[in-house]
Amino acid sequence: MIPAHVLALTEELRIDERRQRALTRYYLDAGVGGLAVGVHTTQFGIRAAGLYTDVLRLAVETADDWTDRPLALVAGVTGDTAHAVDEAAIANGLGYTAALVNIAWWKDRTEAETLAHVREVAEVMPIVGFALLPEVGGFHLSREFWAEFAAIPQVIGIKMAPFNRYRTIDIVRGVVDAHAEERLTLYTGNDDHIVADLLQPFAVPRDGRTVTLRVRGGLLGHWSVWTRRAVELFERIRSLPDGADIPAEMLALDTAVTDANAAIYDARNDFAGCIPGCHEVLRRQGLFAGTWCLDPAERLSPGQLELIDAVTRDYPELNDDDFVTAGLERWLA
């Protein structure tokens, strides 16, 4: 259960170190299994602002000081090969577990060139693949690409976030084609289908038999807010044995979570306000002082505040305001 770590900024667009540490502490006390830092939800602009190393270091130092339990620490890496290799080296030196390889920069290249890039990054540290939806800069890749990707020995997981069932199945089938289903972990990043992704088995034919595999975790920007409730839901899902009957009320939660995500992530406007939407939830809870983003064009969309009001009212079981109220003073100390 890995939330994509949000970035706390001052009004002057500098790191608000006190609130950034508080946010890490909140995630850890909520019971997450790891943190993803330097990813889309952290804002890609940290690179141009010269904040990449500082943000990664702050998260790992805070985690080390706050808890002794093992965590999966995932660092986002992006850019051309030299830049991505440099970022992976920074993350590896700071003690991160794996690099989440964002290949949006390679959308105009061939799949062979993209795979060559990934293999070079994999020489630095273990990697997690990332299928990112086109609306926020990603592009779709073929089943054949994912089969070759899954065959890379250093690949330990794939975050599936195409927001597209056809493309999600392409990734799953690619993993099965590569005979990699026992070696790597599938993570959902499909914010429009979180609960169902975690509940459903994938039955894929191969060589005359059926291979069954499941999404075992999530690496999600959606989990960067209301995190305690998300952890509790994730644990409920994990407690169900494979093959068990799924309670209807748990299936119904898929719609509730997706509806809440639509407001926070600004699905109505092709996710233009997704990052400030997360900031707004954290601001209301007192974890953030404002919704400022490094890119001044990233702001809440017209009507988004009212939609967040509505889902907060309609799905009280999804928010963790009580948990944050109880811990806020300690996290900010």
C-alpha atoms as a PDB file:
ATOM      1  CA  MET A   1       0.000   0.000   0.000  1.00  0.00           C
ATOM      2  CA  ILE A   2       2.090   2.871  -1.351  1.00  0.00           C
ATOM      3  CA  PRO A   3       0.802   6.458  -1.535  1.00  0.00           C
ATOM      4  CA  ALA A   4       2.383   8.899  -3.966  1.00  0.00           C
ATOM      5  CA  HIS A   5       3.879  11.515  -1.650  1.00  0.00           C
ATOM      6  CA  VAL A   6       2.547  15.052  -2.124  1.00  0.00           C
ATOM      7  CA  LEU A   7       4.783  18.158  -1.908  1.00  0.00           C
ATOM      8  CA  ALA A   8       4.118  20.781   0.773  1.00  0.00           C
ATOM      9  CA  LEU A   9       5.096  24.270  -0.375  1.00  0.00           C
ATOM     10  CA  THR A  10       5.085  27.729   1.147  1.00  0.00           C
ATOM     11  CA  GLU A  11       3.376  30.584  -0.643  1.00  0.00           C
ATOM     12  CA  GLU A  12       6.847  31.523  -1.936  1.00  0.00           C
ATOM     13  CA  LEU A  13       7.039  28.045  -3.565  1.00  0.00           C
ATOM     14  CA  ARG A  14       9.769  26.741  -1.286  1.00  0.00           C
ATOM     15  CA  ILE A  15       9.565  23.384   0.479  1.00  0.00           C
ATOM     16  CA  ASP A  16       7.562  23.740   3.686  1.00  0.00           C
ATOM     17  CA  GLU A  17       9.847  21.343   5.546  1.00  0.00           C
ATOM     18  CA  ARG A  18       7.738  21.217   8.705  1.00  0.00           C
ATOM     19  CA  ARG A  19       4.592  20.240   6.833  1.00  0.00           C
ATOM     20  CA  GLN A  20       6.463  17.932   4.476  1.00  0.00           C
ATOM     21  CA  ARG A  21       7.780  15.978   7.463  1.00  0.00           C
ATOM     22  CA  ALA A  22       4.309  16.032   9.026  1.00  0.00           C
ATOM     23  CA  LEU A  23       2.851  14.510   5.859  1.00  0.00           C
ATOM     24  CA  THR A  24       5.405  11.681   5.855  1.00  0.00           C
ATOM     25  CA  ARG A  25       4.616  10.995   9.525  1.00  0.00           C
ATOM     26  CA  TYR A  26       0.896  10.966   8.737  1.00  0.00           C
ATOM     27  CA  TYR A  27       1.397   8.365   6.015  1.00  0.00           C
ATOM     28  CA  LEU A  28       3.530   6.186   8.276  1.00  0.00           C
ATOM     29  CA  ASP A  29       1.107   6.353  11.203  1.00  0.00           C
ATOM     30  CA  ALA A  30      -1.747   5.587   8.803  1.00  0.00           C
ATOM     31  CA  GLY A  31      -0.056   2.219   8.204  1.00  0.00           C
ATOM     32  CA  VAL A  32       1.250   2.465   4.646  1.00  0.00           C
ATOM     33  CA  GLY A  33       3.635  -0.174   3.337  1.00  0.00           C
ATOM     34  CA  GLY A  34       5.827   2.316   1.540  1.00  0.00           C
ATOM     35  CA  LEU A  35       6.194   5.763   0.006  1.00  0.00           C
ATOM     36  CA  ALA A  36       6.577   6.878  -3.608  1.00  0.00           C
ATOM     37  CA  VAL A  37       8.510  10.155  -3.852  1.00  0.00           C
ATOM     38  CA  GLY A  38       9.460  12.282  -6.847  1.00  0.00           C
ATOM     39  CA  VAL A  39       6.512  10.946  -8.854  1.00  0.00           C
ATOM     40  CA  HIS A  40       3.706  12.795 -10.668  1.00  0.00           C
ATOM     41  CA  THR A  41       1.840  13.652  -7.459  1.00  0.00           C
ATOM     42  CA  THR A  42       5.050  15.086  -5.967  1.00  0.00           C
ATOM     43  CA  GLN A  43       5.134  17.396  -9.034  1.00  0.00           C
ATOM     44  CA  PHE A  44       7.561  16.828 -11.891  1.00  0.00           C
ATOM     45  CA  GLY A  45       8.574  20.485 -11.485  1.00  0.00           C
ATOM     46  CA  ILE A  46      10.835  19.600  -8.550  1.00  0.00           C
ATOM     47  CA  ARG A  47      13.510  18.808 -11.119  1.00  0.00           C
ATOM     48  CA  ALA A  48      13.608  22.206 -12.810  1.00  0.00           C
ATOM     49  CA  ALA A  49      13.390  23.815  -9.360  1.00  0.00           C
ATOM     50  CA  GLY A  50      16.447  21.876  -8.160  1.00  0.00           C
ATOM     51  CA  LEU A  51      14.470  20.161  -5.398  1.00  0.00           C
ATOM     52  CA  TYR A  52      14.654  16.511  -6.445  1.00  0.00           C
ATOM     53  CA  THR A  53      17.423  15.393  -4.073  1.00  0.00           C
ATOM     54  CA  ASP A  54      16.103  17.493  -1.179  1.00  0.00           C
ATOM     55  CA  VAL A  55      12.590  16.045  -1.474  1.00  0.00           C
ATOM     56  CA  LEU A  56      13.849  12.451  -1.651  1.00  0.00           C
ATOM     57  CA  ARG A  57      16.234  12.963   1.258  1.00  0.00           C
ATOM     58  CA  LEU A  58      13.590  14.595   3.455  1.00  0.00           C
ATOM     59  CA  ALA A  59      11.223  11.654   3.018  1.00  0.00           C
ATOM     60  CA  VAL A  60      13.778   8.952   3.773  1.00  0.00           C
ATOM     61  CA  GLU A  61      15.267  10.811   6.759  1.00  0.00           C
ATOM     62  CA  THR A  62      11.816  11.429   8.244  1.00  0.00           C
ATOM     63  CA  ALA A  63      10.823   7.803   7.738  1.00  0.00           C
ATOM     64  CA  ASP A  64      14.048   6.547   9.346  1.00  0.00           C
ATOM     65  CA  ASP A  65      13.504   8.799  12.360  1.00  0.00           C
ATOM     66  CA  TRP A  66       9.808   7.944  12.766  1.00  0.00           C
ATOM     67  CA  THR A  67       9.591   4.158  12.393  1.00  0.00           C
ATOM     68  CA  ASP A  68      11.695   1.007  12.527  1.00  0.00           C
ATOM     69  CA  ARG A  69       9.389  -1.111  10.391  1.00  0.00           C
ATOM     70  CA  PRO A  70      10.442  -2.026   6.855  1.00  0.00           C
ATOM     71  CA  LEU A  71       9.116   0.173   4.065  1.00  0.00           C
ATOM     72  CA  ALA A  72       9.164   0.034   0.281  1.00  0.00           C
ATOM     73  CA  LEU A  73      10.667   3.372  -0.750  1.00  0.00           C
ATOM     74  CA  VAL A  74      10.075   4.095  -4.434  1.00  0.00           C
ATOM     75  CA  ALA A  75      11.695   7.034  -6.229  1.00  0.00           C
ATOM     76  CA  GLY A  76      10.296   8.426  -9.447  1.00  0.00           C
ATOM     77  CA  VAL A  77      12.878   8.819 -12.221  1.00  0.00           C
ATOM     78  CA  THR A  78      12.289  10.471 -15.568  1.00  0.00           C
ATOM     79  CA  GLY A  79      13.927  12.207 -18.521  1.00  0.00           C
ATOM     80  CA  ASP A  80      16.467  11.029 -21.072  1.00  0.00           C
ATOM     81  CA  THR A  81      18.726   8.103 -20.243  1.00  0.00           C
ATOM     82  CA  ALA A  82      21.564  10.113 -18.710  1.00  0.00           C
ATOM     83  CA  HIS A  83      19.147  12.094 -16.532  1.00  0.00           C
ATOM     84  CA  ALA A  84      17.145   9.039 -15.450  1.00  0.00           C
ATOM     85  CA  VAL A  85      20.339   7.139 -14.593  1.00  0.00           C
ATOM     86  CA  ASP A  86      21.519  10.096 -12.506  1.00  0.00           C
ATOM     87  CA  GLU A  87      18.210  10.237 -10.633  1.00  0.00           C
ATOM     88  CA  ALA A  88      18.312   6.485 -10.017  1.00  0.00           C
ATOM     89  CA  ALA A  89      21.848   6.826  -8.646  1.00  0.00           C
ATOM     90  CA  ILE A  90      20.690   9.567  -6.268  1.00  0.00           C
ATOM     91  CA  ALA A  91      17.773   7.438  -5.080  1.00  0.00           C
ATOM     92  CA  ASN A  92      19.949   4.357  -4.693  1.00  0.00           C
ATOM     93  CA  GLY A  93      22.473   6.334  -2.668  1.00  0.00           C
ATOM     94  CA  LEU A  94      19.740   7.565  -0.345  1.00  0.00           C
ATOM     95  CA  GLY A  95      18.572   4.013   0.340  1.00  0.00           C
ATOM     96  CA  TYR A  96      15.462   3.787  -1.841  1.00  0.00           C
ATOM     97  CA  THR A  97      14.165   0.325  -2.691  1.00  0.00           C
ATOM     98  CA  ALA A  98      13.335   0.814  -6.362  1.00  0.00           C
ATOM     99  CA  ALA A  99      12.975   3.373  -9.138  1.00  0.00           C
ATOM    100  CA  LEU A 100       9.575   3.986 -10.724  1.00  0.00           C
ATOM    101  CA  VAL A 101      10.568   4.624 -14.332  1.00  0.00           C
ATOM    102  CA  ASN A 102       8.425   7.270 -15.998  1.00  0.00           C
ATOM    103  CA  ILE A 103       8.991   6.983 -19.739  1.00  0.00           C
ATOM    104  CA  ALA A 104       6.727   9.854 -20.844  1.00  0.00           C
ATOM    105  CA  TRP A 105       9.825  11.587 -22.270  1.00  0.00           C
ATOM    106  CA  TRP A 106      10.094   8.668 -24.744  1.00  0.00           C
ATOM    107  CA  LYS A 107       6.621   8.912 -26.281  1.00  0.00           C
ATOM    108  CA  ASP A 108       8.005   9.793 -29.725  1.00  0.00           C
ATOM    109  CA  ARG A 109      10.597   7.003 -29.715  1.00  0.00           C
ATOM    110  CA  THR A 110      10.268   3.376 -30.749  1.00  0.00           C
ATOM    111  CA  GLU A 111       9.483   0.694 -28.215  1.00  0.00           C
ATOM    112  CA  ALA A 112      12.941  -0.811 -28.820  1.00  0.00           C
ATOM    113  CA  GLU A 113      14.588   2.506 -27.890  1.00  0.00           C
ATOM    114  CA  THR A 114      12.399   2.780 -24.815  1.00  0.00           C
ATOM    115  CA  LEU A 115      13.364  -0.714 -23.677  1.00  0.00           C
ATOM    116  CA  ALA A 116      17.049   0.086 -24.166  1.00  0.00           C
ATOM    117  CA  HIS A 117      16.581   3.139 -21.950  1.00  0.00           C
ATOM    118  CA  VAL A 118      14.850   1.091 -19.253  1.00  0.00           C
ATOM    119  CA  ARG A 119      17.605  -1.534 -19.276  1.00  0.00           C
ATOM    120  CA  GLU A 120      20.234   1.128 -18.584  1.00  0.00           C
ATOM    121  CA  VAL A 121      18.279   2.477 -15.606  1.00  0.00           C
ATOM    122  CA  ALA A 122      17.845  -1.098 -14.346  1.00  0.00           C
ATOM    123  CA  GLU A 123      21.617  -1.462 -14.136  1.00  0.00           C
ATOM    124  CA  VAL A 124      21.588   1.105 -11.305  1.00  0.00           C
ATOM    125  CA  MET A 125      18.819  -0.301  -9.067  1.00  0.00           C
ATOM    126  CA  PRO A 126      15.653  -2.431  -9.155  1.00  0.00           C
ATOM    127  CA  ILE A 127      12.856  -0.839 -11.151  1.00  0.00           C
ATOM    128  CA  VAL A 128       9.075  -0.630 -11.242  1.00  0.00           C
ATOM    129  CA  GLY A 129       7.396  -0.071 -14.586  1.00  0.00           C
ATOM    130  CA  PHE A 130       4.869   2.706 -15.068  1.00  0.00           C
ATOM    131  CA  ALA A 131       1.998   2.738 -17.558  1.00  0.00           C
ATOM    132  CA  LEU A 132       0.802   6.356 -17.377  1.00  0.00           C
ATOM    133  CA  LEU A 133      -2.409   7.620 -18.952  1.00  0.00           C
ATOM    134  CA  PRO A 134      -1.998  10.042 -21.890  1.00  0.00           C
ATOM    135  CA  GLU A 135      -4.007  12.851 -20.220  1.00  0.00           C
ATOM    136  CA  VAL A 136      -1.142  13.535 -17.808  1.00  0.00           C
ATOM    137  CA  GLY A 137       1.725  12.982 -20.220  1.00  0.00           C
ATOM    138  CA  GLY A 138       1.922   9.218 -20.699  1.00  0.00           C
ATOM    139  CA  PHE A 139       1.327   7.044 -23.731  1.00  0.00           C
ATOM    140  CA  HIS A 140       0.143   3.523 -24.442  1.00  0.00           C
ATOM    141  CA  LEU A 141       2.541   0.642 -25.098  1.00  0.00           C
ATOM    142  CA  SER A 142       1.905  -2.742 -26.648  1.00  0.00           C
ATOM    143  CA  ARG A 143       1.497  -6.135 -25.034  1.00  0.00           C
ATOM    144  CA  GLU A 144       4.775  -7.108 -26.716  1.00  0.00           C
ATOM    145  CA  PHE A 145       6.541  -4.189 -25.030  1.00  0.00           C
ATOM    146  CA  TRP A 146       5.289  -5.254 -21.600  1.00  0.00           C
ATOM    147  CA  ALA A 147       6.387  -8.846 -22.222  1.00  0.00           C
ATOM    148  CA  GLU A 148       9.931  -7.690 -23.001  1.00  0.00           C
ATOM    149  CA  PHE A 149       9.843  -5.260 -20.086  1.00  0.00           C
ATOM    150  CA  ALA A 150       8.681  -7.935 -17.636  1.00  0.00           C
ATOM    151  CA  ALA A 151      11.538 -10.202 -18.786  1.00  0.00           C
ATOM    152  CA  ILE A 152      14.163  -7.721 -17.528  1.00  0.00           C
ATOM    153  CA  PRO A 153      15.597  -9.410 -14.396  1.00  0.00           C
ATOM    154  CA  GLN A 154      15.751  -6.202 -12.317  1.00  0.00           C
ATOM    155  CA  VAL A 155      12.041  -5.457 -12.758  1.00  0.00           C
ATOM    156  CA  ILE A 156      10.273  -6.069  -9.437  1.00  0.00           C
ATOM    157  CA  GLY A 157       6.873  -4.567 -10.243  1.00  0.00           C
ATOM    158  CA  ILE A 158       4.646  -2.699 -12.658  1.00  0.00           C
ATOM    159  CA  LYS A 159       2.306   0.152 -11.771  1.00  0.00           C
ATOM    160  CA  MET A 160      -0.651  -0.151 -14.136  1.00  0.00           C
ATOM    161  CA  ALA A 161      -2.203   3.281 -14.620  1.00  0.00           C
ATOM    162  CA  PRO A 162      -3.576   3.542 -18.159  1.00  0.00           C
ATOM    163  CA  PHE A 163      -7.145   4.164 -16.838  1.00  0.00           C
ATOM    164  CA  ASN A 164      -8.152   1.784 -19.604  1.00  0.00           C
ATOM    165  CA  ARG A 165      -9.256  -1.853 -19.169  1.00  0.00           C
ATOM    166  CA  TYR A 166      -7.994  -2.943 -22.583  1.00  0.00           C
ATOM    167  CA  ARG A 167      -4.529  -1.552 -21.888  1.00  0.00           C
ATOM    168  CA  THR A 168      -4.512  -2.955 -18.358  1.00  0.00           C
ATOM    169  CA  ILE A 169      -5.153  -6.440 -19.748  1.00  0.00           C
ATOM    170  CA  ASP A 170      -2.339  -5.908 -22.290  1.00  0.00           C
ATOM    171  CA  ILE A 171       0.066  -5.365 -19.378  1.00  0.00           C
ATOM    172  CA  VAL A 172      -1.185  -8.422 -17.492  1.00  0.00           C
ATOM    173  CA  ARG A 173      -0.916 -10.600 -20.594  1.00  0.00           C
ATOM    174  CA  GLY A 174       2.572  -9.273 -21.270  1.00  0.00           C
ATOM    175  CA  VAL A 175       3.656 -10.358 -17.784  1.00  0.00           C
ATOM    176  CA  VAL A 176       2.203 -13.823 -18.386  1.00  0.00           C
ATOM    177  CA  ASP A 177       3.856 -14.026 -21.816  1.00  0.00           C
ATOM    178  CA  ALA A 178       7.195 -13.346 -20.096  1.00  0.00           C
ATOM    179  CA  HIS A 179       6.563 -16.043 -17.456  1.00  0.00           C
ATOM    180  CA  ALA A 180       7.218 -13.289 -14.892  1.00  0.00           C
ATOM    181  CA  GLU A 181       4.059 -13.610 -12.809  1.00  0.00           C
ATOM    182  CA  GLU A 182       5.903 -15.222  -9.875  1.00  0.00           C
ATOM    183  CA  ARG A 183       8.781 -12.723  -9.906  1.00  0.00           C
ATOM    184  CA  LEU A 184       7.194  -9.301 -10.080  1.00  0.00           C
ATOM    185  CA  THR A 185       4.272  -7.611  -8.330  1.00  0.00           C
ATOM    186  CA  LEU A 186       1.422  -5.896 -10.128  1.00  0.00           C
ATOM    187  CA  TYR A 187       0.338  -2.592  -8.572  1.00  0.00           C
ATOM    188  CA  THR A 188      -2.812  -0.744  -9.508  1.00  0.00           C
ATOM    189  CA  GLY A 189      -2.473   2.887 -10.434  1.00  0.00           C
ATOM    190  CA  ASN A 190      -5.927   2.938 -12.037  1.00  0.00           C
ATOM    191  CA  ASP A 191      -7.578   5.542  -9.820  1.00  0.00           C
ATOM    192  CA  ASP A 192     -10.874   4.899 -11.620  1.00  0.00           C
ATOM    193  CA  HIS A 193     -10.905   1.193 -10.671  1.00  0.00           C
ATOM    194  CA  ILE A 194      -8.885   0.803  -7.455  1.00  0.00           C
ATOM    195  CA  VAL A 195     -11.068  -1.545  -5.437  1.00  0.00           C
ATOM    196  CA  ALA A 196     -12.032  -3.780  -8.351  1.00  0.00           C
ATOM    197  CA  ASP A 197      -8.396  -4.057  -9.490  1.00  0.00           C
ATOM    198  CA  LEU A 198      -7.444  -5.312  -6.032  1.00  0.00           C
ATOM    199  CA  LEU A 199     -10.359  -7.745  -5.836  1.00  0.00           C
ATOM    200  CA  GLN A 200     -10.470  -9.365  -9.248  1.00  0.00           C
ATOM    201  CA  PRO A 201      -8.288 -12.253 -10.414  1.00  0.00           C
ATOM    202  CA  PHE A 202      -6.927 -12.175 -13.966  1.00  0.00           C
ATOM    203  CA  ALA A 203      -7.253 -15.544 -15.736  1.00  0.00           C
ATOM    204  CA  VAL A 204      -4.918 -15.646 -18.730  1.00  0.00           C
ATOM    205  CA  PRO A 205      -4.450 -18.602 -21.114  1.00  0.00           C
ATOM    206  CA  ARG A 206      -0.881 -19.755 -21.774  1.00  0.00           C
ATOM    207  CA  ASP A 207       0.380 -22.965 -23.346  1.00  0.00           C
ATOM    208  CA  GLY A 208      -2.926 -24.750 -22.990  1.00  0.00           C
ATOM    209  CA  ARG A 209      -3.566 -23.871 -19.344  1.00  0.00           C
ATOM    210  CA  THR A 210      -4.855 -20.884 -17.392  1.00  0.00           C
ATOM    211  CA  VAL A 211      -2.516 -18.682 -15.397  1.00  0.00           C
ATOM    212  CA  THR A 212      -4.251 -16.785 -12.606  1.00  0.00           C
ATOM    213  CA  LEU A 213      -2.614 -13.695 -11.160  1.00  0.00           C
ATOM    214  CA  ARG A 214      -3.747 -10.769  -9.066  1.00  0.00           C
ATOM    215  CA  VAL A 215      -2.931  -7.155  -8.408  1.00  0.00           C
ATOM    216  CA  ARG A 216      -1.282  -7.363  -4.980  1.00  0.00           C
ATOM    217  CA  GLY A 217      -0.751  -3.709  -4.185  1.00  0.00           C
ATOM    218  CA  GLY A 218      -1.367  -0.153  -5.203  1.00  0.00           C
ATOM    219  CA  LEU A 219       0.880   2.835  -5.875  1.00  0.00           C
ATOM    220  CA  LEU A 220      -1.561   5.675  -6.074  1.00  0.00           C
ATOM    221  CA  GLY A 221      -1.853   9.435  -5.938  1.00  0.00           C
ATOM    222  CA  HIS A 222      -5.397   8.874  -4.709  1.00  0.00           C
ATOM    223  CA  TRP A 223      -3.975   7.273  -1.569  1.00  0.00           C
ATOM    224  CA  SER A 224      -2.052  10.469  -0.753  1.00  0.00           C
ATOM    225  CA  VAL A 225      -5.216  11.739   0.963  1.00  0.00           C
ATOM    226  CA  TRP A 226      -7.664  10.059   3.355  1.00  0.00           C
ATOM    227  CA  THR A 227      -4.842   7.570   3.733  1.00  0.00           C
ATOM    228  CA  ARG A 228      -5.880   5.901   6.984  1.00  0.00           C
ATOM    229  CA  ARG A 229      -9.243   4.879   5.517  1.00  0.00           C
ATOM    230  CA  ALA A 230      -7.482   3.673   2.363  1.00  0.00           C
ATOM    231  CA  VAL A 231      -5.149   1.489   4.453  1.00  0.00           C
ATOM    232  CA  GLU A 232      -8.120  -0.009   6.288  1.00  0.00           C
ATOM    233  CA  LEU A 233      -9.869  -0.791   3.001  1.00  0.00           C
ATOM    234  CA  PHE A 234      -6.694  -2.293   1.553  1.00  0.00           C
ATOM    235  CA  GLU A 235      -6.315  -4.517   4.622  1.00  0.00           C
ATOM    236  CA  ARG A 236      -9.933  -5.667   4.320  1.00  0.00           C
ATOM    237  CA  ILE A 237      -9.311  -6.661   0.720  1.00  0.00           C
ATOM    238  CA  ARG A 238      -6.052  -8.446   1.577  1.00  0.00           C
ATOM    239  CA  SER A 239      -7.803 -10.428   4.312  1.00  0.00           C
ATOM    240  CA  LEU A 240      -9.984 -12.163   1.718  1.00  0.00           C
ATOM    241  CA  PRO A 241      -8.444 -15.502   0.700  1.00  0.00           C
ATOM    242  CA  ASP A 242      -7.945 -16.105  -3.024  1.00  0.00           C
ATOM    243  CA  GLY A 243     -11.117 -17.675  -4.384  1.00  0.00           C
ATOM    244  CA  ALA A 244     -13.331 -16.426  -1.546  1.00  0.00           C
ATOM    245  CA  ASP A 245     -16.754 -14.968  -2.237  1.00  0.00           C
ATOM    246  CA  ILE A 246     -16.527 -11.176  -2.395  1.00  0.00           C
ATOM    247  CA  PRO A 247     -19.163  -9.354  -0.320  1.00  0.00           C
ATOM    248  CA  ALA A 248     -21.428  -7.184  -2.446  1.00  0.00           C
ATOM    249  CA  GLU A 249     -20.840  -4.166  -0.219  1.00  0.00           C
ATOM    250  CA  MET A 250     -17.122  -4.400  -0.898  1.00  0.00           C
ATOM    251  CA  LEU A 251     -17.722  -4.437  -4.648  1.00  0.00           C
ATOM    252  CA  ALA A 252     -19.968  -1.407  -4.242  1.00  0.00           C
ATOM    253  CA  LEU A 253     -17.073   0.484  -2.658  1.00  0.00           C
ATOM    254  CA  ASP A 254     -15.402   0.568  -6.072  1.00  0.00           C
ATOM    255  CA  THR A 255     -18.014   3.057  -7.237  1.00  0.00           C
ATOM    256  CA  ALA A 256     -17.761   5.176  -4.079  1.00  0.00           C
ATOM    257  CA  VAL A 257     -13.968   5.393  -4.257  1.00  0.00           C
ATOM    258  CA  THR A 258     -14.047   6.183  -7.980  1.00  0.00           C
ATOM    259  CA  ASP A 259     -16.677   8.891  -7.433  1.00  0.00           C
ATOM    260  CA  ALA A 260     -14.552  10.471  -4.701  1.00  0.00           C
ATOM    261  CA  ASN A 261     -11.505  10.292  -6.937  1.00  0.00           C
ATOM    262  CA  ALA A 262     -13.383  11.996  -9.767  1.00  0.00           C
ATOM    263  CA  ALA A 263     -13.791  15.074  -7.573  1.00  0.00           C
ATOM    264  CA  ILE A 264     -10.353  15.146  -5.982  1.00  0.00           C
ATOM    265  CA  TYR A 265      -8.545  14.233  -9.205  1.00  0.00           C
ATOM    266  CA  ASP A 266     -10.678  16.511 -11.395  1.00  0.00           C
ATOM    267  CA  ALA A 267     -11.679  13.813 -13.877  1.00  0.00           C
ATOM    268  CA  ARG A 268     -14.269  16.178 -15.391  1.00  0.00           C
ATOM    269  CA  ASN A 269     -11.414  18.354 -16.692  1.00  0.00           C
ATOM    270  CA  ASP A 270      -9.045  15.579 -17.805  1.00  0.00           C
ATOM    271  CA  PHE A 271      -7.276  15.663 -14.398  1.00  0.00           C
ATOM    272  CA  ALA A 272      -6.050  19.252 -14.780  1.00  0.00           C
ATOM    273  CA  GLY A 273      -6.669  19.885 -11.070  1.00  0.00           C
ATOM    274  CA  CYS A 274      -5.563  16.521  -9.706  1.00  0.00           C
ATOM    275  CA  ILE A 275      -2.559  17.750  -7.698  1.00  0.00           C
ATOM    276  CA  PRO A 276      -4.203  20.877  -6.224  1.00  0.00           C
ATOM    277  CA  GLY A 277      -7.242  18.684  -5.508  1.00  0.00           C
ATOM    278  CA  CYS A 278      -5.094  16.519  -3.241  1.00  0.00           C
ATOM    279  CA  HIS A 279      -3.604  19.662  -1.704  1.00  0.00           C
ATOM    280  CA  GLU A 280      -7.086  21.013  -0.969  1.00  0.00           C
ATOM    281  CA  VAL A 281      -8.073  17.903   0.994  1.00  0.00           C
ATOM    282  CA  LEU A 282      -4.864  18.137   3.027  1.00  0.00           C
ATOM    283  CA  ARG A 283      -5.388  21.897   3.536  1.00  0.00           C
ATOM    284  CA  ARG A 284      -8.856  21.306   4.955  1.00  0.00           C
ATOM    285  CA  GLN A 285      -7.393  18.814   7.411  1.00  0.00           C
ATOM    286  CA  GLY A 286      -4.648  21.215   8.537  1.00  0.00           C
ATOM    287  CA  LEU A 287      -1.738  19.246   7.097  1.00  0.00           C
ATOM    288  CA  PHE A 288      -1.155  21.849   4.349  1.00  0.00           C
ATOM    289  CA  ALA A 289      -1.207  25.642   4.582  1.00  0.00           C
ATOM    290  CA  GLY A 290      -2.353  26.113   0.974  1.00  0.00           C
ATOM    291  CA  THR A 291      -2.772  24.472  -2.419  1.00  0.00           C
ATOM    292  CA  TRP A 292       0.253  26.079  -4.106  1.00  0.00           C
ATOM    293  CA  CYS A 293       1.980  24.207  -6.946  1.00  0.00           C
ATOM    294  CA  LEU A 294       5.328  24.831  -8.608  1.00  0.00           C
ATOM    295  CA  ASP A 295       3.521  25.336 -11.919  1.00  0.00           C
ATOM    296  CA  PRO A 296       1.168  28.336 -11.457  1.00  0.00           C
ATOM    297  CA  ALA A 297      -1.095  26.862 -14.151  1.00  0.00           C
ATOM    298  CA  GLU A 298      -1.865  23.922 -11.862  1.00  0.00           C
ATOM    299  CA  ARG A 299      -4.827  25.101  -9.840  1.00  0.00           C
ATOM    300  CA  LEU A 300      -8.253  23.923  -8.827  1.00  0.00           C
ATOM    301  CA  SER A 301     -10.707  23.849 -11.723  1.00  0.00           C
ATOM    302  CA  PRO A 302     -13.974  25.810 -11.666  1.00  0.00           C
ATOM    303  CA  GLY A 303     -16.500  23.818  -9.656  1.00  0.00           C
ATOM    304  CA  GLN A 304     -13.919  21.419  -8.209  1.00  0.00           C
ATOM    305  CA  LEU A 305     -14.268  22.769  -4.664  1.00  0.00           C
ATOM    306  CA  GLU A 306     -17.987  22.079  -4.745  1.00  0.00           C
ATOM    307  CA  LEU A 307     -17.380  18.525  -5.984  1.00  0.00           C
ATOM    308  CA  ILE A 308     -14.911  17.897  -3.143  1.00  0.00           C
ATOM    309  CA  ASP A 309     -17.517  19.263  -0.720  1.00  0.00           C
ATOM    310  CA  ALA A 310     -20.049  16.809  -2.148  1.00  0.00           C
ATOM    311  CA  VAL A 311     -17.938  13.652  -1.916  1.00  0.00           C
ATOM    312  CA  THR A 312     -16.773  14.589   1.586  1.00  0.00           C
ATOM    313  CA  ARG A 313     -20.429  14.845   2.597  1.00  0.00           C
ATOM    314  CA  ASP A 314     -21.679  11.832   0.635  1.00  0.00           C
ATOM    315  CA  TYR A 315     -18.926   9.371   1.633  1.00  0.00           C
ATOM    316  CA  PRO A 316     -18.031  10.119   5.260  1.00  0.00           C
ATOM    317  CA  GLU A 317     -16.697   6.567   5.598  1.00  0.00           C
ATOM    318  CA  LEU A 318     -13.887   7.391   3.141  1.00  0.00           C
ATOM    319  CA  ASN A 319     -12.386  10.401   4.913  1.00  0.00           C
ATOM    320  CA  ASP A 320     -10.005  10.211   7.890  1.00  0.00           C
ATOM    321  CA  ASP A 321     -10.582  13.659   9.393  1.00  0.00           C
ATOM    322  CA  ASP A 322     -10.839  12.187  12.890  1.00  0.00           C
ATOM    323  CA  PHE A 323      -7.514  10.378  12.513  1.00  0.00           C
ATOM    324  CA  VAL A 324      -5.778  13.541  11.305  1.00  0.00           C
ATOM    325  CA  THR A 325      -7.283  15.663  14.065  1.00  0.00           C
ATOM    326  CA  ALA A 326      -5.931  13.240  16.662  1.00  0.00           C
ATOM    327  CA  GLY A 327      -2.404  13.154  15.234  1.00  0.00           C
ATOM    328  CA  LEU A 328      -1.872  16.569  13.651  1.00  0.00           C
ATOM    329  CA  GLU A 329      -0.184  18.335  16.567  1.00  0.00           C
ATOM    330  CA  ARG A 330       2.298  15.492  17.039  1.00  0.00           C
ATOM    331  CA  TRP A 331       3.111  15.267  13.321  1.00  0.00           C
ATOM    332  CA  LEU A 332       3.702  19.015  13.075  1.00  0.00           C
ATOM    333  CA  ALA A 333       5.872  19.166  16.204  1.00  0.00           C
END
